[in-house]
Amino acid sequence: MDTYSLFREIADSWVLLLMTAFFVGVIVWAYRPGSRPAHRDSAEIPFRHENKPASDDDQSGAHFKEART
């Protein structure tokens, strides 16, 4: 058996299985219950300074730290 055929068989089976497991793992990690505050904070970034300019404290990620606690 030549090298190409061997790598092709491995890629068709095990690598496909590993990539599928990685994809499912990323989806589970993104939708885990503890990530809701971080996603909510990221979604509110465009509206954070609607009525006033940003201060120096806001640029350091203070809102993200508050959302995680």
PDB file of N, CA and C in Angstrom:
ATOM      1  N   MET A   1       0.858  -1.178   0.000  1.00  0.00           N
ATOM      2  CA  MET A   1       0.000   0.000   0.000  1.00  0.00           C
ATOM      3  C   MET A   1       0.899   1.234   0.000  1.00  0.00           C
ATOM      4  N   ASP A   2       0.602   2.169  -0.865  1.00  0.00           N
ATOM      5  CA  ASP A   2       1.415   3.376  -0.931  1.00  0.00           C
ATOM      6  C   ASP A   2       1.011   4.380   0.159  1.00  0.00           C
ATOM      7  N   THR A   3       1.849   5.356   0.353  1.00  0.00           N
ATOM      8  CA  THR A   3       1.654   6.327   1.433  1.00  0.00           C
ATOM      9  C   THR A   3       0.385   7.134   1.241  1.00  0.00           C
ATOM     10  N   TYR A   4       0.097   7.529   0.003  1.00  0.00           N
ATOM     11  CA  TYR A   4      -1.095   8.324  -0.264  1.00  0.00           C
ATOM     12  C   TYR A   4      -2.360   7.575   0.149  1.00  0.00           C
ATOM     13  N   SER A   5      -2.464   6.324  -0.211  1.00  0.00           N
ATOM     14  CA  SER A   5      -3.651   5.531   0.125  1.00  0.00           C
ATOM     15  C   SER A   5      -3.801   5.376   1.635  1.00  0.00           C
ATOM     16  N   LEU A   6      -2.683   5.184   2.327  1.00  0.00           N
ATOM     17  CA  LEU A   6      -2.734   5.053   3.785  1.00  0.00           C
ATOM     18  C   LEU A   6      -3.242   6.342   4.427  1.00  0.00           C
ATOM     19  N   PHE A   7      -2.656   7.472   4.027  1.00  0.00           N
ATOM     20  CA  PHE A   7      -3.107   8.758   4.579  1.00  0.00           C
ATOM     21  C   PHE A   7      -4.550   9.064   4.194  1.00  0.00           C
ATOM     22  N   ARG A   8      -4.957   8.652   3.018  1.00  0.00           N
ATOM     23  CA  ARG A   8      -6.330   8.884   2.574  1.00  0.00           C
ATOM     24  C   ARG A   8      -7.310   8.094   3.440  1.00  0.00           C
ATOM     25  N   GLU A   9      -6.984   6.871   3.771  1.00  0.00           N
ATOM     26  CA  GLU A   9      -7.853   6.060   4.627  1.00  0.00           C
ATOM     27  C   GLU A   9      -7.929   6.638   6.037  1.00  0.00           C
ATOM     28  N   ILE A  10      -6.801   7.098   6.557  1.00  0.00           N
ATOM     29  CA  ILE A  10      -6.795   7.706   7.892  1.00  0.00           C
ATOM     30  C   ILE A  10      -7.634   8.979   7.891  1.00  0.00           C
ATOM     31  N   ALA A  11      -7.467   9.802   6.872  1.00  0.00           N
ATOM     32  CA  ALA A  11      -8.213  11.058   6.799  1.00  0.00           C
ATOM     33  C   ALA A  11      -9.707  10.804   6.636  1.00  0.00           C
ATOM     34  N   ASP A  12     -10.066   9.788   5.892  1.00  0.00           N
ATOM     35  CA  ASP A  12     -11.481   9.491   5.673  1.00  0.00           C
ATOM     36  C   ASP A  12     -12.180   8.970   6.916  1.00  0.00           C
ATOM     37  N   SER A  13     -11.440   8.417   7.851  1.00  0.00           N
ATOM     38  CA  SER A  13     -12.088   7.832   9.017  1.00  0.00           C
ATOM     39  C   SER A  13     -11.754   8.582  10.304  1.00  0.00           C
ATOM     40  N   TRP A  14     -10.514   8.482  10.760  1.00  0.00           N
ATOM     41  CA  TRP A  14     -10.166   9.012  12.078  1.00  0.00           C
ATOM     42  C   TRP A  14     -10.132  10.531  12.128  1.00  0.00           C
ATOM     43  N   VAL A  15      -9.604  11.161  11.113  1.00  0.00           N
ATOM     44  CA  VAL A  15      -9.543  12.623  11.113  1.00  0.00           C
ATOM     45  C   VAL A  15     -10.948  13.204  11.024  1.00  0.00           C
ATOM     46  N   LEU A  16     -11.803  12.581  10.240  1.00  0.00           N
ATOM     47  CA  LEU A  16     -13.182  13.036  10.173  1.00  0.00           C
ATOM     48  C   LEU A  16     -13.862  12.906  11.535  1.00  0.00           C
ATOM     49  N   LEU A  17     -13.607  11.830  12.219  1.00  0.00           N
ATOM     50  CA  LEU A  17     -14.159  11.627  13.556  1.00  0.00           C
ATOM     51  C   LEU A  17     -13.623  12.672  14.541  1.00  0.00           C
ATOM     52  N   LEU A  18     -12.324  12.943  14.491  1.00  0.00           N
ATOM     53  CA  LEU A  18     -11.733  13.961  15.365  1.00  0.00           C
ATOM     54  C   LEU A  18     -12.279  15.359  15.074  1.00  0.00           C
ATOM     55  N   MET A  19     -12.429  15.697  13.812  1.00  0.00           N
ATOM     56  CA  MET A  19     -12.972  17.014  13.455  1.00  0.00           C
ATOM     57  C   MET A  19     -14.420  17.157  13.901  1.00  0.00           C
ATOM     58  N   THR A  20     -15.195  16.105  13.793  1.00  0.00           N
ATOM     59  CA  THR A  20     -16.586  16.136  14.253  1.00  0.00           C
ATOM     60  C   THR A  20     -16.643  16.293  15.762  1.00  0.00           C
ATOM     61  N   ALA A  21     -15.796  15.579  16.487  1.00  0.00           N
ATOM     62  CA  ALA A  21     -15.756  15.711  17.949  1.00  0.00           C
ATOM     63  C   ALA A  21     -15.321  17.115  18.352  1.00  0.00           C
ATOM     64  N   PHE A  22     -14.357  17.685  17.649  1.00  0.00           N
ATOM     65  CA  PHE A  22     -13.919  19.056  17.935  1.00  0.00           C
ATOM     66  C   PHE A  22     -15.057  20.041  17.704  1.00  0.00           C
ATOM     67  N   PHE A  23     -15.782  19.906  16.610  1.00  0.00           N
ATOM     68  CA  PHE A  23     -16.907  20.784  16.293  1.00  0.00           C
ATOM     69  C   PHE A  23     -17.981  20.697  17.371  1.00  0.00           C
ATOM     70  N   VAL A  24     -18.333  19.504  17.776  1.00  0.00           N
ATOM     71  CA  VAL A  24     -19.345  19.330  18.825  1.00  0.00           C
ATOM     72  C   VAL A  24     -18.846  19.917  20.140  1.00  0.00           C
ATOM     73  N   GLY A  25     -17.564  19.749  20.435  1.00  0.00           N
ATOM     74  CA  GLY A  25     -16.988  20.329  21.649  1.00  0.00           C
ATOM     75  C   GLY A  25     -17.053  21.846  21.654  1.00  0.00           C
ATOM     76  N   VAL A  26     -16.775  22.473  20.533  1.00  0.00           N
ATOM     77  CA  VAL A  26     -16.852  23.937  20.442  1.00  0.00           C
ATOM     78  C   VAL A  26     -18.292  24.415  20.628  1.00  0.00           C
ATOM     79  N   ILE A  27     -19.230  23.733  20.039  1.00  0.00           N
ATOM     80  CA  ILE A  27     -20.642  24.109  20.187  1.00  0.00           C
ATOM     81  C   ILE A  27     -21.081  23.965  21.639  1.00  0.00           C
ATOM     82  N   VAL A  28     -20.713  22.875  22.281  1.00  0.00           N
ATOM     83  CA  VAL A  28     -21.071  22.671  23.689  1.00  0.00           C
ATOM     84  C   VAL A  28     -20.421  23.747  24.556  1.00  0.00           C
ATOM     85  N   TRP A  29     -19.163  24.077  24.279  1.00  0.00           N
ATOM     86  CA  TRP A  29     -18.465  25.107  25.056  1.00  0.00           C
ATOM     87  C   TRP A  29     -19.121  26.477  24.869  1.00  0.00           C
ATOM     88  N   ALA A  30     -19.540  26.799  23.670  1.00  0.00           N
ATOM     89  CA  ALA A  30     -20.148  28.110  23.409  1.00  0.00           C
ATOM     90  C   ALA A  30     -21.515  28.246  24.075  1.00  0.00           C
ATOM     91  N   TYR A  31     -22.264  27.157  24.167  1.00  0.00           N
ATOM     92  CA  TYR A  31     -23.614  27.213  24.730  1.00  0.00           C
ATOM     93  C   TYR A  31     -23.686  26.726  26.168  1.00  0.00           C
ATOM     94  N   ARG A  32     -22.552  26.629  26.855  1.00  0.00           N
ATOM     95  CA  ARG A  32     -22.583  26.195  28.253  1.00  0.00           C
ATOM     96  C   ARG A  32     -23.271  27.264  29.096  1.00  0.00           C
ATOM     97  N   PRO A  33     -23.906  26.888  30.196  1.00  0.00           N
ATOM     98  CA  PRO A  33     -24.668  27.842  31.011  1.00  0.00           C
ATOM     99  C   PRO A  33     -23.817  28.987  31.566  1.00  0.00           C
ATOM    100  N   GLY A  34     -22.567  28.761  31.879  1.00  0.00           N
ATOM    101  CA  GLY A  34     -21.741  29.801  32.472  1.00  0.00           C
ATOM    102  C   GLY A  34     -21.297  30.884  31.508  1.00  0.00           C
ATOM    103  N   SER A  35     -21.508  30.702  30.214  1.00  0.00           N
ATOM    104  CA  SER A  35     -21.038  31.686  29.247  1.00  0.00           C
ATOM    105  C   SER A  35     -22.070  32.779  28.958  1.00  0.00           C
ATOM    106  N   ARG A  36     -23.242  32.687  29.520  1.00  0.00           N
ATOM    107  CA  ARG A  36     -24.289  33.662  29.230  1.00  0.00           C
ATOM    108  C   ARG A  36     -23.887  35.096  29.580  1.00  0.00           C
ATOM    109  N   PRO A  37     -23.297  35.379  30.764  1.00  0.00           N
ATOM    110  CA  PRO A  37     -22.903  36.770  31.056  1.00  0.00           C
ATOM    111  C   PRO A  37     -21.864  37.320  30.078  1.00  0.00           C
ATOM    112  N   ALA A  38     -20.928  36.508  29.670  1.00  0.00           N
ATOM    113  CA  ALA A  38     -19.914  36.973  28.723  1.00  0.00           C
ATOM    114  C   ALA A  38     -20.533  37.285  27.367  1.00  0.00           C
ATOM    115  N   HIS A  39     -21.450  36.441  26.901  1.00  0.00           N
ATOM    116  CA  HIS A  39     -22.114  36.694  25.618  1.00  0.00           C
ATOM    117  C   HIS A  39     -23.016  37.917  25.706  1.00  0.00           C
ATOM    118  N   ARG A  40     -23.695  38.089  26.813  1.00  0.00           N
ATOM    119  CA  ARG A  40     -24.558  39.245  26.986  1.00  0.00           C
ATOM    120  C   ARG A  40     -23.727  40.533  26.992  1.00  0.00           C
ATOM    121  N   ASP A  41     -22.591  40.512  27.680  1.00  0.00           N
ATOM    122  CA  ASP A  41     -21.725  41.691  27.718  1.00  0.00           C
ATOM    123  C   ASP A  41     -21.194  42.010  26.320  1.00  0.00           C
ATOM    124  N   SER A  42     -20.796  41.010  25.576  1.00  0.00           N
ATOM    125  CA  SER A  42     -20.303  41.241  24.216  1.00  0.00           C
ATOM    126  C   SER A  42     -21.391  41.796  23.310  1.00  0.00           C
ATOM    127  N   ALA A  43     -22.604  41.336  23.493  1.00  0.00           N
ATOM    128  CA  ALA A  43     -23.712  41.824  22.671  1.00  0.00           C
ATOM    129  C   ALA A  43     -24.065  43.270  22.977  1.00  0.00           C
ATOM    130  N   GLU A  44     -23.795  43.736  24.189  1.00  0.00           N
ATOM    131  CA  GLU A  44     -24.145  45.101  24.578  1.00  0.00           C
ATOM    132  C   GLU A  44     -23.034  46.113  24.315  1.00  0.00           C
ATOM    133  N   ILE A  45     -21.906  45.709  23.774  1.00  0.00           N
ATOM    134  CA  ILE A  45     -20.793  46.623  23.529  1.00  0.00           C
ATOM    135  C   ILE A  45     -21.204  47.820  22.662  1.00  0.00           C
ATOM    136  N   PRO A  46     -21.946  47.652  21.572  1.00  0.00           N
ATOM    137  CA  PRO A  46     -22.284  48.822  20.751  1.00  0.00           C
ATOM    138  C   PRO A  46     -23.155  49.852  21.483  1.00  0.00           C
ATOM    139  N   PHE A  47     -23.872  49.444  22.501  1.00  0.00           N
ATOM    140  CA  PHE A  47     -24.786  50.340  23.193  1.00  0.00           C
ATOM    141  C   PHE A  47     -24.236  50.847  24.522  1.00  0.00           C
ATOM    142  N   ARG A  48     -23.029  50.491  24.867  1.00  0.00           N
ATOM    143  CA  ARG A  48     -22.479  50.798  26.171  1.00  0.00           C
ATOM    144  C   ARG A  48     -22.330  52.298  26.405  1.00  0.00           C
ATOM    145  N   HIS A  49     -21.882  53.045  25.417  1.00  0.00           N
ATOM    146  CA  HIS A  49     -21.617  54.481  25.585  1.00  0.00           C
ATOM    147  C   HIS A  49     -22.519  55.294  24.664  1.00  0.00           C
ATOM    148  N   GLU A  50     -23.794  55.021  24.727  1.00  0.00           N
ATOM    149  CA  GLU A  50     -24.731  55.677  23.844  1.00  0.00           C
ATOM    150  C   GLU A  50     -24.900  57.160  24.180  1.00  0.00           C
ATOM    151  N   ASN A  51     -24.886  57.517  25.465  1.00  0.00           N
ATOM    152  CA  ASN A  51     -25.166  58.893  25.869  1.00  0.00           C
ATOM    153  C   ASN A  51     -23.937  59.661  26.319  1.00  0.00           C
ATOM    154  N   LYS A  52     -22.807  59.021  26.483  1.00  0.00           N
ATOM    155  CA  LYS A  52     -21.603  59.706  26.947  1.00  0.00           C
ATOM    156  C   LYS A  52     -20.383  59.026  26.339  1.00  0.00           C
ATOM    157  N   PRO A  53     -19.279  59.751  26.216  1.00  0.00           N
ATOM    158  CA  PRO A  53     -18.074  59.110  25.690  1.00  0.00           C
ATOM    159  C   PRO A  53     -17.478  58.132  26.696  1.00  0.00           C
ATOM    160  N   ALA A  54     -16.680  57.239  26.201  1.00  0.00           N
ATOM    161  CA  ALA A  54     -16.050  56.235  27.062  1.00  0.00           C
ATOM    162  C   ALA A  54     -14.991  56.883  27.936  1.00  0.00           C
ATOM    163  N   SER A  55     -14.872  56.419  29.170  1.00  0.00           N
ATOM    164  CA  SER A  55     -13.826  56.894  30.065  1.00  0.00           C
ATOM    165  C   SER A  55     -12.650  55.932  30.004  1.00  0.00           C
ATOM    166  N   ASP A  56     -11.564  56.272  30.662  1.00  0.00           N
ATOM    167  CA  ASP A  56     -10.381  55.410  30.657  1.00  0.00           C
ATOM    168  C   ASP A  56     -10.659  54.075  31.333  1.00  0.00           C
ATOM    169  N   ASP A  57     -11.498  54.048  32.355  1.00  0.00           N
ATOM    170  CA  ASP A  57     -11.814  52.801  33.056  1.00  0.00           C
ATOM    171  C   ASP A  57     -12.545  51.822  32.155  1.00  0.00           C
ATOM    172  N   ASP A  58     -13.382  52.325  31.257  1.00  0.00           N
ATOM    173  CA  ASP A  58     -14.169  51.457  30.396  1.00  0.00           C
ATOM    174  C   ASP A  58     -13.308  50.762  29.349  1.00  0.00           C
ATOM    175  N   GLN A  59     -12.207  51.342  28.975  1.00  0.00           N
ATOM    176  CA  GLN A  59     -11.351  50.744  27.959  1.00  0.00           C
ATOM    177  C   GLN A  59     -10.563  49.558  28.489  1.00  0.00           C
ATOM    178  N   SER A  60     -10.452  49.418  29.796  1.00  0.00           N
ATOM    179  CA  SER A  60      -9.646  48.341  30.370  1.00  0.00           C
ATOM    180  C   SER A  60     -10.410  47.032  30.511  1.00  0.00           C
ATOM    181  N   GLY A  61     -11.650  46.979  30.089  1.00  0.00           N
ATOM    182  CA  GLY A  61     -12.425  45.760  30.184  1.00  0.00           C
ATOM    183  C   GLY A  61     -13.163  45.628  31.510  1.00  0.00           C
ATOM    184  N   ALA A  62     -13.461  46.748  32.156  1.00  0.00           N
ATOM    185  CA  ALA A  62     -14.133  46.702  33.461  1.00  0.00           C
ATOM    186  C   ALA A  62     -15.517  46.092  33.351  1.00  0.00           C
ATOM    187  N   HIS A  63     -16.211  46.340  32.254  1.00  0.00           N
ATOM    188  CA  HIS A  63     -17.552  45.775  32.112  1.00  0.00           C
ATOM    189  C   HIS A  63     -17.500  44.261  31.970  1.00  0.00           C
ATOM    190  N   PHE A  64     -16.490  43.757  31.299  1.00  0.00           N
ATOM    191  CA  PHE A  64     -16.377  42.313  31.160  1.00  0.00           C
ATOM    192  C   PHE A  64     -16.075  41.677  32.506  1.00  0.00           C
ATOM    193  N   LYS A  65     -15.251  42.320  33.314  1.00  0.00           N
ATOM    194  CA  LYS A  65     -14.935  41.778  34.623  1.00  0.00           C
ATOM    195  C   LYS A  65     -16.157  41.782  35.521  1.00  0.00           C
ATOM    196  N   GLU A  66     -16.997  42.815  35.414  1.00  0.00           N
ATOM    197  CA  GLU A  66     -18.226  42.873  36.220  1.00  0.00           C
ATOM    198  C   GLU A  66     -19.191  41.776  35.780  1.00  0.00           C
ATOM    199  N   ALA A  67     -19.280  41.513  34.498  1.00  0.00           N
ATOM    200  CA  ALA A  67     -20.217  40.516  33.997  1.00  0.00           C
ATOM    201  C   ALA A  67     -19.816  39.110  34.417  1.00  0.00           C
ATOM    202  N   ARG A  68     -18.538  38.893  34.592  1.00  0.00           N
ATOM    203  CA  ARG A  68     -18.078  37.548  34.961  1.00  0.00           C
ATOM    204  C   ARG A  68     -18.260  37.271  36.438  1.00  0.00           C
ATOM    205  N   THR A  69     -18.389  38.293  37.259  1.00  0.00           N
ATOM    206  CA  THR A  69     -18.536  38.062  38.698  1.00  0.00           C
ATOM    207  C   THR A  69     -19.972  37.967  39.105  1.00  0.00           C
TER     208      THR A  69
END
